[in-house]
Amino acid sequence: MVRIISIFILALVPLILGFWVIRRSKRRFQARMRLIRHRAYHQAVTSESTDAYPMLTERYDRFIGDINCQYNARSPHLRCAINPSGPCEGCSHFDPRK
């Protein structure tokens, strides 16, 4: 009788440990998701106080061409929408940004 009870208990140990591990991992996952939601909420709240479309002044050094032109692609790969390969100096399509 004692053998049967001990075998039954030993058979239940992996099941209980498995449930415990799953429960612990679910709690960790939920805590991470709460942290992500919390960070995203606070990031959205703080970004509302600033301009929605910043001028990207800190990244102007990556652009090629004249950044003051209306047609500048603002890309490190493409200079201009009208004259992509040509120089900006003396371009007949130069239009200052408004």
PDB file of N, CA and C in Angstrom:
ATOM      1  N   MET A   1       0.814  -1.188   0.000  1.00  0.00           N
ATOM      2  CA  MET A   1       0.000   0.000   0.000  1.00  0.00           C
ATOM      3  C   MET A   1       0.871   1.271   0.000  1.00  0.00           C
ATOM      4  N   VAL A   2       1.943   1.228   0.779  1.00  0.00           N
ATOM      5  CA  VAL A   2       2.847   2.369   0.860  1.00  0.00           C
ATOM      6  C   VAL A   2       3.558   2.558  -0.483  1.00  0.00           C
ATOM      7  N   ARG A   3       3.882   1.459  -1.139  1.00  0.00           N
ATOM      8  CA  ARG A   3       4.531   1.552  -2.443  1.00  0.00           C
ATOM      9  C   ARG A   3       3.632   2.235  -3.473  1.00  0.00           C
ATOM     10  N   ILE A   4       2.391   1.890  -3.487  1.00  0.00           N
ATOM     11  CA  ILE A   4       1.443   2.463  -4.446  1.00  0.00           C
ATOM     12  C   ILE A   4       1.301   3.966  -4.211  1.00  0.00           C
ATOM     13  N   ILE A   5       1.206   4.367  -2.961  1.00  0.00           N
ATOM     14  CA  ILE A   5       1.075   5.789  -2.630  1.00  0.00           C
ATOM     15  C   ILE A   5       2.349   6.538  -3.016  1.00  0.00           C
ATOM     16  N   SER A   6       3.505   5.958  -2.744  1.00  0.00           N
ATOM     17  CA  SER A   6       4.762   6.633  -3.095  1.00  0.00           C
ATOM     18  C   SER A   6       4.928   6.734  -4.615  1.00  0.00           C
ATOM     19  N   ILE A   7       4.543   5.701  -5.360  1.00  0.00           N
ATOM     20  CA  ILE A   7       4.602   5.757  -6.822  1.00  0.00           C
ATOM     21  C   ILE A   7       3.640   6.820  -7.349  1.00  0.00           C
ATOM     22  N   PHE A   8       2.461   6.889  -6.762  1.00  0.00           N
ATOM     23  CA  PHE A   8       1.474   7.887  -7.166  1.00  0.00           C
ATOM     24  C   PHE A   8       1.996   9.304  -6.906  1.00  0.00           C
ATOM     25  N   ILE A   9       2.604   9.519  -5.755  1.00  0.00           N
ATOM     26  CA  ILE A   9       3.166  10.833  -5.415  1.00  0.00           C
ATOM     27  C   ILE A   9       4.325  11.170  -6.349  1.00  0.00           C
ATOM     28  N   LEU A  10       5.208  10.197  -6.602  1.00  0.00           N
ATOM     29  CA  LEU A  10       6.325  10.433  -7.513  1.00  0.00           C
ATOM     30  C   LEU A  10       5.848  10.708  -8.940  1.00  0.00           C
ATOM     31  N   ALA A  11       4.725  10.139  -9.325  1.00  0.00           N
ATOM     32  CA  ALA A  11       4.180  10.390 -10.655  1.00  0.00           C
ATOM     33  C   ALA A  11       3.597  11.800 -10.754  1.00  0.00           C
ATOM     34  N   LEU A  12       3.124  12.337  -9.648  1.00  0.00           N
ATOM     35  CA  LEU A  12       2.535  13.675  -9.647  1.00  0.00           C
ATOM     36  C   LEU A  12       3.570  14.795  -9.537  1.00  0.00           C
ATOM     37  N   VAL A  13       4.770  14.490  -9.076  1.00  0.00           N
ATOM     38  CA  VAL A  13       5.797  15.520  -8.887  1.00  0.00           C
ATOM     39  C   VAL A  13       6.138  16.233 -10.206  1.00  0.00           C
ATOM     40  N   PRO A  14       6.401  15.546 -11.322  1.00  0.00           N
ATOM     41  CA  PRO A  14       6.694  16.271 -12.571  1.00  0.00           C
ATOM     42  C   PRO A  14       5.520  17.135 -13.044  1.00  0.00           C
ATOM     43  N   LEU A  15       4.306  16.644 -12.830  1.00  0.00           N
ATOM     44  CA  LEU A  15       3.133  17.411 -13.215  1.00  0.00           C
ATOM     45  C   LEU A  15       3.038  18.706 -12.407  1.00  0.00           C
ATOM     46  N   ILE A  16       3.249  18.614 -11.114  1.00  0.00           N
ATOM     47  CA  ILE A  16       3.202  19.795 -10.247  1.00  0.00           C
ATOM     48  C   ILE A  16       4.336  20.752 -10.591  1.00  0.00           C
ATOM     49  N   LEU A  17       5.528  20.225 -10.814  1.00  0.00           N
ATOM     50  CA  LEU A  17       6.650  21.084 -11.196  1.00  0.00           C
ATOM     51  C   LEU A  17       6.397  21.768 -12.543  1.00  0.00           C
ATOM     52  N   GLY A  18       5.816  21.058 -13.480  1.00  0.00           N
ATOM     53  CA  GLY A  18       5.491  21.643 -14.783  1.00  0.00           C
ATOM     54  C   GLY A  18       4.492  22.781 -14.655  1.00  0.00           C
ATOM     55  N   PHE A  19       3.445  22.569 -13.865  1.00  0.00           N
ATOM     56  CA  PHE A  19       2.477  23.640 -13.635  1.00  0.00           C
ATOM     57  C   PHE A  19       3.124  24.841 -12.955  1.00  0.00           C
ATOM     58  N   TRP A  20       4.023  24.586 -12.037  1.00  0.00           N
ATOM     59  CA  TRP A  20       4.700  25.672 -11.323  1.00  0.00           C
ATOM     60  C   TRP A  20       5.582  26.482 -12.279  1.00  0.00           C
ATOM     61  N   VAL A  21       6.310  25.788 -13.153  1.00  0.00           N
ATOM     62  CA  VAL A  21       7.176  26.476 -14.120  1.00  0.00           C
ATOM     63  C   VAL A  21       6.336  27.292 -15.100  1.00  0.00           C
ATOM     64  N   ILE A  22       5.254  26.723 -15.587  1.00  0.00           N
ATOM     65  CA  ILE A  22       4.383  27.443 -16.520  1.00  0.00           C
ATOM     66  C   ILE A  22       3.769  28.666 -15.847  1.00  0.00           C
ATOM     67  N   ARG A  23       3.316  28.513 -14.632  1.00  0.00           N
ATOM     68  CA  ARG A  23       2.718  29.630 -13.897  1.00  0.00           C
ATOM     69  C   ARG A  23       3.739  30.751 -13.682  1.00  0.00           C
ATOM     70  N   ARG A  24       4.960  30.373 -13.331  1.00  0.00           N
ATOM     71  CA  ARG A  24       6.007  31.366 -13.110  1.00  0.00           C
ATOM     72  C   ARG A  24       6.360  32.087 -14.407  1.00  0.00           C
ATOM     73  N   SER A  25       6.440  31.350 -15.515  1.00  0.00           N
ATOM     74  CA  SER A  25       6.766  31.993 -16.794  1.00  0.00           C
ATOM     75  C   SER A  25       5.627  32.907 -17.255  1.00  0.00           C
ATOM     76  N   LYS A  26       4.385  32.537 -17.007  1.00  0.00           N
ATOM     77  CA  LYS A  26       3.262  33.410 -17.351  1.00  0.00           C
ATOM     78  C   LYS A  26       3.310  34.700 -16.544  1.00  0.00           C
ATOM     79  N   ARG A  27       3.639  34.595 -15.269  1.00  0.00           N
ATOM     80  CA  ARG A  27       3.751  35.794 -14.433  1.00  0.00           C
ATOM     81  C   ARG A  27       4.865  36.707 -14.937  1.00  0.00           C
ATOM     82  N   ARG A  28       6.002  36.131 -15.301  1.00  0.00           N
ATOM     83  CA  ARG A  28       7.111  36.935 -15.822  1.00  0.00           C
ATOM     84  C   ARG A  28       6.722  37.601 -17.135  1.00  0.00           C
ATOM     85  N   PHE A  29       6.038  36.865 -18.006  1.00  0.00           N
ATOM     86  CA  PHE A  29       5.593  37.416 -19.280  1.00  0.00           C
ATOM     87  C   PHE A  29       4.615  38.567 -19.062  1.00  0.00           C
ATOM     88  N   GLN A  30       3.655  38.379 -18.148  1.00  0.00           N
ATOM     89  CA  GLN A  30       2.690  39.438 -17.870  1.00  0.00           C
ATOM     90  C   GLN A  30       3.367  40.662 -17.270  1.00  0.00           C
ATOM     91  N   ALA A  31       4.354  40.450 -16.420  1.00  0.00           N
ATOM     92  CA  ALA A  31       5.091  41.581 -15.846  1.00  0.00           C
ATOM     93  C   ALA A  31       5.849  42.334 -16.936  1.00  0.00           C
ATOM     94  N   ARG A  32       6.444  41.614 -17.867  1.00  0.00           N
ATOM     95  CA  ARG A  32       7.146  42.270 -18.977  1.00  0.00           C
ATOM     96  C   ARG A  32       6.172  43.056 -19.852  1.00  0.00           C
ATOM     97  N   MET A  33       5.018  42.476 -20.130  1.00  0.00           N
ATOM     98  CA  MET A  33       4.024  43.170 -20.944  1.00  0.00           C
ATOM     99  C   MET A  33       3.512  44.425 -20.243  1.00  0.00           C
ATOM    100  N   ARG A  34       3.303  44.356 -18.929  1.00  0.00           N
ATOM    101  CA  ARG A  34       2.905  45.551 -18.180  1.00  0.00           C
ATOM    102  C   ARG A  34       3.968  46.630 -18.279  1.00  0.00           C
ATOM    103  N   LEU A  35       5.231  46.238 -18.171  1.00  0.00           N
ATOM    104  CA  LEU A  35       6.334  47.190 -18.267  1.00  0.00           C
ATOM    105  C   LEU A  35       6.389  47.826 -19.657  1.00  0.00           C
ATOM    106  N   ILE A  36       6.189  47.022 -20.692  1.00  0.00           N
ATOM    107  CA  ILE A  36       6.196  47.542 -22.060  1.00  0.00           C
ATOM    108  C   ILE A  36       5.042  48.511 -22.266  1.00  0.00           C
ATOM    109  N   ARG A  37       3.841  48.153 -21.795  1.00  0.00           N
ATOM    110  CA  ARG A  37       2.696  49.059 -21.924  1.00  0.00           C
ATOM    111  C   ARG A  37       2.932  50.345 -21.154  1.00  0.00           C
ATOM    112  N   HIS A  38       3.505  50.233 -19.974  1.00  0.00           N
ATOM    113  CA  HIS A  38       3.789  51.404 -19.149  1.00  0.00           C
ATOM    114  C   HIS A  38       4.780  52.320 -19.854  1.00  0.00           C
ATOM    115  N   ARG A  39       5.844  51.749 -20.401  1.00  0.00           N
ATOM    116  CA  ARG A  39       6.842  52.552 -21.112  1.00  0.00           C
ATOM    117  C   ARG A  39       6.250  53.182 -22.364  1.00  0.00           C
ATOM    118  N   ALA A  40       5.459  52.414 -23.105  1.00  0.00           N
ATOM    119  CA  ALA A  40       4.862  52.941 -24.335  1.00  0.00           C
ATOM    120  C   ALA A  40       3.896  54.072 -24.017  1.00  0.00           C
ATOM    121  N   TYR A  41       3.130  53.936 -22.945  1.00  0.00           N
ATOM    122  CA  TYR A  41       2.188  54.982 -22.560  1.00  0.00           C
ATOM    123  C   TYR A  41       2.931  56.257 -22.192  1.00  0.00           C
ATOM    124  N   HIS A  42       3.956  56.130 -21.360  1.00  0.00           N
ATOM    125  CA  HIS A  42       4.695  57.313 -20.940  1.00  0.00           C
ATOM    126  C   HIS A  42       5.488  57.919 -22.091  1.00  0.00           C
ATOM    127  N   GLN A  43       5.946  57.100 -23.001  1.00  0.00           N
ATOM    128  CA  GLN A  43       6.655  57.620 -24.165  1.00  0.00           C
ATOM    129  C   GLN A  43       5.682  58.393 -25.058  1.00  0.00           C
ATOM    130  N   ALA A  44       4.454  57.890 -25.204  1.00  0.00           N
ATOM    131  CA  ALA A  44       3.458  58.581 -26.017  1.00  0.00           C
ATOM    132  C   ALA A  44       3.042  59.890 -25.359  1.00  0.00           C
ATOM    133  N   VAL A  45       2.902  59.891 -24.047  1.00  0.00           N
ATOM    134  CA  VAL A  45       2.507  61.108 -23.338  1.00  0.00           C
ATOM    135  C   VAL A  45       3.587  62.167 -23.451  1.00  0.00           C
ATOM    136  N   THR A  46       4.842  61.767 -23.308  1.00  0.00           N
ATOM    137  CA  THR A  46       5.914  62.755 -23.398  1.00  0.00           C
ATOM    138  C   THR A  46       6.124  63.230 -24.825  1.00  0.00           C
ATOM    139  N   SER A  47       5.851  62.381 -25.819  1.00  0.00           N
ATOM    140  CA  SER A  47       6.043  62.811 -27.204  1.00  0.00           C
ATOM    141  C   SER A  47       4.935  63.754 -27.650  1.00  0.00           C
ATOM    142  N   GLU A  48       3.773  63.730 -26.982  1.00  0.00           N
ATOM    143  CA  GLU A  48       2.706  64.658 -27.329  1.00  0.00           C
ATOM    144  C   GLU A  48       3.089  66.086 -26.987  1.00  0.00           C
ATOM    145  N   SER A  49       3.932  66.237 -25.986  1.00  0.00           N
ATOM    146  CA  SER A  49       4.327  67.582 -25.593  1.00  0.00           C
ATOM    147  C   SER A  49       5.317  68.195 -26.581  1.00  0.00           C
ATOM    148  N   THR A  50       6.017  67.370 -27.332  1.00  0.00           N
ATOM    149  CA  THR A  50       6.942  67.877 -28.345  1.00  0.00           C
ATOM    150  C   THR A  50       6.237  67.892 -29.692  1.00  0.00           C
ATOM    151  N   ASP A  51       6.891  68.400 -30.692  1.00  0.00           N
ATOM    152  CA  ASP A  51       6.301  68.413 -32.032  1.00  0.00           C
ATOM    153  C   ASP A  51       6.099  66.994 -32.528  1.00  0.00           C
ATOM    154  N   ALA A  52       5.009  66.782 -33.239  1.00  0.00           N
ATOM    155  CA  ALA A  52       4.741  65.449 -33.773  1.00  0.00           C
ATOM    156  C   ALA A  52       5.710  65.094 -34.895  1.00  0.00           C
ATOM    157  N   TYR A  53       6.178  66.107 -35.622  1.00  0.00           N
ATOM    158  CA  TYR A  53       7.108  65.881 -36.715  1.00  0.00           C
ATOM    159  C   TYR A  53       8.333  66.767 -36.513  1.00  0.00           C
ATOM    160  N   PRO A  54       9.321  66.280 -35.803  1.00  0.00           N
ATOM    161  CA  PRO A  54      10.498  67.120 -35.553  1.00  0.00           C
ATOM    162  C   PRO A  54      11.259  67.381 -36.845  1.00  0.00           C
ATOM    163  N   MET A  55      12.047  68.431 -36.848  1.00  0.00           N
ATOM    164  CA  MET A  55      12.792  68.836 -38.039  1.00  0.00           C
ATOM    165  C   MET A  55      14.026  67.976 -38.290  1.00  0.00           C
ATOM    166  N   LEU A  56      14.350  67.103 -37.384  1.00  0.00           N
ATOM    167  CA  LEU A  56      15.480  66.191 -37.541  1.00  0.00           C
ATOM    168  C   LEU A  56      16.800  66.932 -37.713  1.00  0.00           C
ATOM    169  N   THR A  57      16.965  68.015 -36.989  1.00  0.00           N
ATOM    170  CA  THR A  57      18.177  68.813 -37.146  1.00  0.00           C
ATOM    171  C   THR A  57      19.420  68.042 -36.746  1.00  0.00           C
ATOM    172  N   GLU A  58      19.293  67.108 -35.845  1.00  0.00           N
ATOM    173  CA  GLU A  58      20.469  66.359 -35.430  1.00  0.00           C
ATOM    174  C   GLU A  58      20.906  65.345 -36.481  1.00  0.00           C
ATOM    175  N   ARG A  59      20.070  65.079 -37.497  1.00  0.00           N
ATOM    176  CA  ARG A  59      20.431  64.092 -38.510  1.00  0.00           C
ATOM    177  C   ARG A  59      20.670  64.720 -39.883  1.00  0.00           C
ATOM    178  N   TYR A  60      20.801  66.024 -39.963  1.00  0.00           N
ATOM    179  CA  TYR A  60      21.033  66.670 -41.249  1.00  0.00           C
ATOM    180  C   TYR A  60      22.357  66.263 -41.875  1.00  0.00           C
ATOM    181  N   ASP A  61      23.316  65.885 -41.068  1.00  0.00           N
ATOM    182  CA  ASP A  61      24.619  65.531 -41.628  1.00  0.00           C
ATOM    183  C   ASP A  61      24.559  64.261 -42.466  1.00  0.00           C
ATOM    184  N   ARG A  62      23.515  63.486 -42.335  1.00  0.00           N
ATOM    185  CA  ARG A  62      23.387  62.252 -43.111  1.00  0.00           C
ATOM    186  C   ARG A  62      22.763  62.493 -44.483  1.00  0.00           C
ATOM    187  N   PHE A  63      22.103  63.644 -44.674  1.00  0.00           N
ATOM    188  CA  PHE A  63      21.442  63.934 -45.939  1.00  0.00           C
ATOM    189  C   PHE A  63      22.450  64.455 -46.945  1.00  0.00           C
ATOM    190  N   ILE A  64      22.196  64.160 -48.222  1.00  0.00           N
ATOM    191  CA  ILE A  64      23.035  64.742 -49.268  1.00  0.00           C
ATOM    192  C   ILE A  64      22.214  65.803 -49.981  1.00  0.00           C
ATOM    193  N   GLY A  65      22.864  66.784 -50.521  1.00  0.00           N
ATOM    194  CA  GLY A  65      22.172  67.860 -51.208  1.00  0.00           C
ATOM    195  C   GLY A  65      21.882  69.025 -50.278  1.00  0.00           C
ATOM    196  N   ASP A  66      21.191  70.026 -50.816  1.00  0.00           N
ATOM    197  CA  ASP A  66      20.856  71.233 -50.063  1.00  0.00           C
ATOM    198  C   ASP A  66      19.582  70.978 -49.268  1.00  0.00           C
ATOM    199  N   ILE A  67      19.684  70.976 -47.954  1.00  0.00           N
ATOM    200  CA  ILE A  67      18.546  70.664 -47.095  1.00  0.00           C
ATOM    201  C   ILE A  67      17.497  71.773 -47.124  1.00  0.00           C
ATOM    202  N   ASN A  68      17.866  72.962 -47.584  1.00  0.00           N
ATOM    203  CA  ASN A  68      16.921  74.075 -47.639  1.00  0.00           C
ATOM    204  C   ASN A  68      16.007  74.023 -48.858  1.00  0.00           C
ATOM    205  N   CYS A  69      16.241  73.112 -49.768  1.00  0.00           N
ATOM    206  CA  CYS A  69      15.418  72.994 -50.973  1.00  0.00           C
ATOM    207  C   CYS A  69      14.135  72.227 -50.666  1.00  0.00           C
ATOM    208  N   GLN A  70      13.042  72.660 -51.266  1.00  0.00           N
ATOM    209  CA  GLN A  70      11.744  72.010 -51.079  1.00  0.00           C
ATOM    210  C   GLN A  70      11.763  70.578 -51.617  1.00  0.00           C
ATOM    211  N   TYR A  71      12.526  70.325 -52.658  1.00  0.00           N
ATOM    212  CA  TYR A  71      12.532  69.028 -53.326  1.00  0.00           C
ATOM    213  C   TYR A  71      13.612  68.072 -52.818  1.00  0.00           C
ATOM    214  N   ASN A  72      14.318  68.437 -51.761  1.00  0.00           N
ATOM    215  CA  ASN A  72      15.343  67.562 -51.211  1.00  0.00           C
ATOM    216  C   ASN A  72      14.685  66.288 -50.692  1.00  0.00           C
ATOM    217  N   ALA A  73      15.262  65.148 -51.011  1.00  0.00           N
ATOM    218  CA  ALA A  73      14.678  63.865 -50.625  1.00  0.00           C
ATOM    219  C   ALA A  73      14.910  63.536 -49.157  1.00  0.00           C
ATOM    220  N   ARG A  74      15.807  64.262 -48.486  1.00  0.00           N
ATOM    221  CA  ARG A  74      16.146  64.023 -47.080  1.00  0.00           C
ATOM    222  C   ARG A  74      16.530  62.562 -46.871  1.00  0.00           C
ATOM    223  N   SER A  75      17.441  62.126 -47.712  1.00  0.00           N
ATOM    224  CA  SER A  75      17.885  60.743 -47.710  1.00  0.00           C
ATOM    225  C   SER A  75      19.395  60.704 -47.896  1.00  0.00           C
ATOM    226  N   PRO A  76      20.058  59.714 -47.297  1.00  0.00           N
ATOM    227  CA  PRO A  76      21.491  59.586 -47.536  1.00  0.00           C
ATOM    228  C   PRO A  76      21.803  58.963 -48.900  1.00  0.00           C
ATOM    229  N   HIS A  77      20.780  58.478 -49.619  1.00  0.00           N
ATOM    230  CA  HIS A  77      20.995  57.788 -50.889  1.00  0.00           C
ATOM    231  C   HIS A  77      20.539  58.596 -52.099  1.00  0.00           C
ATOM    232  N   LEU A  78      19.529  59.420 -51.927  1.00  0.00           N
ATOM    233  CA  LEU A  78      18.935  60.158 -53.035  1.00  0.00           C
ATOM    234  C   LEU A  78      19.018  61.649 -52.735  1.00  0.00           C
ATOM    235  N   ARG A  79      19.523  62.409 -53.664  1.00  0.00           N
ATOM    236  CA  ARG A  79      19.755  63.841 -53.446  1.00  0.00           C
ATOM    237  C   ARG A  79      18.458  64.637 -53.550  1.00  0.00           C
ATOM    238  N   CYS A  80      17.725  64.465 -54.637  1.00  0.00           N
ATOM    239  CA  CYS A  80      16.609  65.352 -54.947  1.00  0.00           C
ATOM    240  C   CYS A  80      15.545  64.570 -55.708  1.00  0.00           C
ATOM    241  N   ALA A  81      14.292  64.998 -55.590  1.00  0.00           N
ATOM    242  CA  ALA A  81      13.217  64.323 -56.307  1.00  0.00           C
ATOM    243  C   ALA A  81      13.237  64.661 -57.795  1.00  0.00           C
ATOM    244  N   ILE A  82      13.665  65.854 -58.137  1.00  0.00           N
ATOM    245  CA  ILE A  82      13.680  66.284 -59.537  1.00  0.00           C
ATOM    246  C   ILE A  82      15.016  65.979 -60.201  1.00  0.00           C
ATOM    247  N   ASN A  83      16.106  66.256 -59.505  1.00  0.00           N
ATOM    248  CA  ASN A  83      17.450  66.099 -60.060  1.00  0.00           C
ATOM    249  C   ASN A  83      18.256  65.184 -59.126  1.00  0.00           C
ATOM    250  N   PRO A  84      17.999  63.869 -59.127  1.00  0.00           N
ATOM    251  CA  PRO A  84      18.599  62.983 -58.123  1.00  0.00           C
ATOM    252  C   PRO A  84      20.113  62.854 -58.193  1.00  0.00           C
ATOM    253  N   SER A  85      20.699  62.973 -59.357  1.00  0.00           N
ATOM    254  CA  SER A  85      22.142  62.761 -59.456  1.00  0.00           C
ATOM    255  C   SER A  85      22.936  64.050 -59.598  1.00  0.00           C
ATOM    256  N   GLY A  86      22.265  65.129 -59.954  1.00  0.00           N
ATOM    257  CA  GLY A  86      22.973  66.376 -60.232  1.00  0.00           C
ATOM    258  C   GLY A  86      23.284  67.185 -58.987  1.00  0.00           C
ATOM    259  N   PRO A  87      24.132  68.182 -59.145  1.00  0.00           N
ATOM    260  CA  PRO A  87      24.473  69.033 -58.003  1.00  0.00           C
ATOM    261  C   PRO A  87      23.338  70.007 -57.691  1.00  0.00           C
ATOM    262  N   CYS A  88      23.266  70.430 -56.449  1.00  0.00           N
ATOM    263  CA  CYS A  88      22.237  71.385 -56.030  1.00  0.00           C
ATOM    264  C   CYS A  88      22.615  72.814 -56.385  1.00  0.00           C
ATOM    265  N   GLU A  89      23.911  73.085 -56.478  1.00  0.00           N
ATOM    266  CA  GLU A  89      24.364  74.437 -56.794  1.00  0.00           C
ATOM    267  C   GLU A  89      23.967  74.783 -58.222  1.00  0.00           C
ATOM    268  N   GLY A  90      23.234  75.873 -58.371  1.00  0.00           N
ATOM    269  CA  GLY A  90      22.838  76.326 -59.698  1.00  0.00           C
ATOM    270  C   GLY A  90      21.682  75.548 -60.295  1.00  0.00           C
ATOM    271  N   CYS A  91      20.952  74.786 -59.536  1.00  0.00           N
ATOM    272  CA  CYS A  91      19.821  74.003 -60.053  1.00  0.00           C
ATOM    273  C   CYS A  91      18.663  74.951 -60.376  1.00  0.00           C
ATOM    274  N   SER A  92      18.055  74.782 -61.533  1.00  0.00           N
ATOM    275  CA  SER A  92      16.951  75.660 -61.936  1.00  0.00           C
ATOM    276  C   SER A  92      15.659  75.345 -61.185  1.00  0.00           C
ATOM    277  N   HIS A  93      15.593  74.184 -60.539  1.00  0.00           N
ATOM    278  CA  HIS A  93      14.389  73.782 -59.818  1.00  0.00           C
ATOM    279  C   HIS A  93      14.466  74.089 -58.323  1.00  0.00           C
ATOM    280  N   PHE A  94      15.503  74.792 -57.887  1.00  0.00           N
ATOM    281  CA  PHE A  94      15.660  75.091 -56.464  1.00  0.00           C
ATOM    282  C   PHE A  94      14.474  75.919 -55.982  1.00  0.00           C
ATOM    283  N   ASP A  95      13.835  75.439 -54.936  1.00  0.00           N
ATOM    284  CA  ASP A  95      12.691  76.125 -54.344  1.00  0.00           C
ATOM    285  C   ASP A  95      12.887  76.103 -52.834  1.00  0.00           C
ATOM    286  N   PRO A  96      13.074  77.261 -52.194  1.00  0.00           N
ATOM    287  CA  PRO A  96      13.312  77.260 -50.747  1.00  0.00           C
ATOM    288  C   PRO A  96      12.127  76.681 -49.984  1.00  0.00           C
ATOM    289  N   ARG A  97      12.436  75.999 -48.913  1.00  0.00           N
ATOM    290  CA  ARG A  97      11.378  75.425 -48.066  1.00  0.00           C
ATOM    291  C   ARG A  97      10.592  76.529 -47.403  1.00  0.00           C
ATOM    292  N   LYS A  98       9.349  76.262 -47.167  1.00  0.00           N
ATOM    293  CA  LYS A  98       8.472  77.254 -46.524  1.00  0.00           C
ATOM    294  C   LYS A  98       8.329  76.975 -45.063  1.00  0.00           C
TER     295      LYS A  98
END
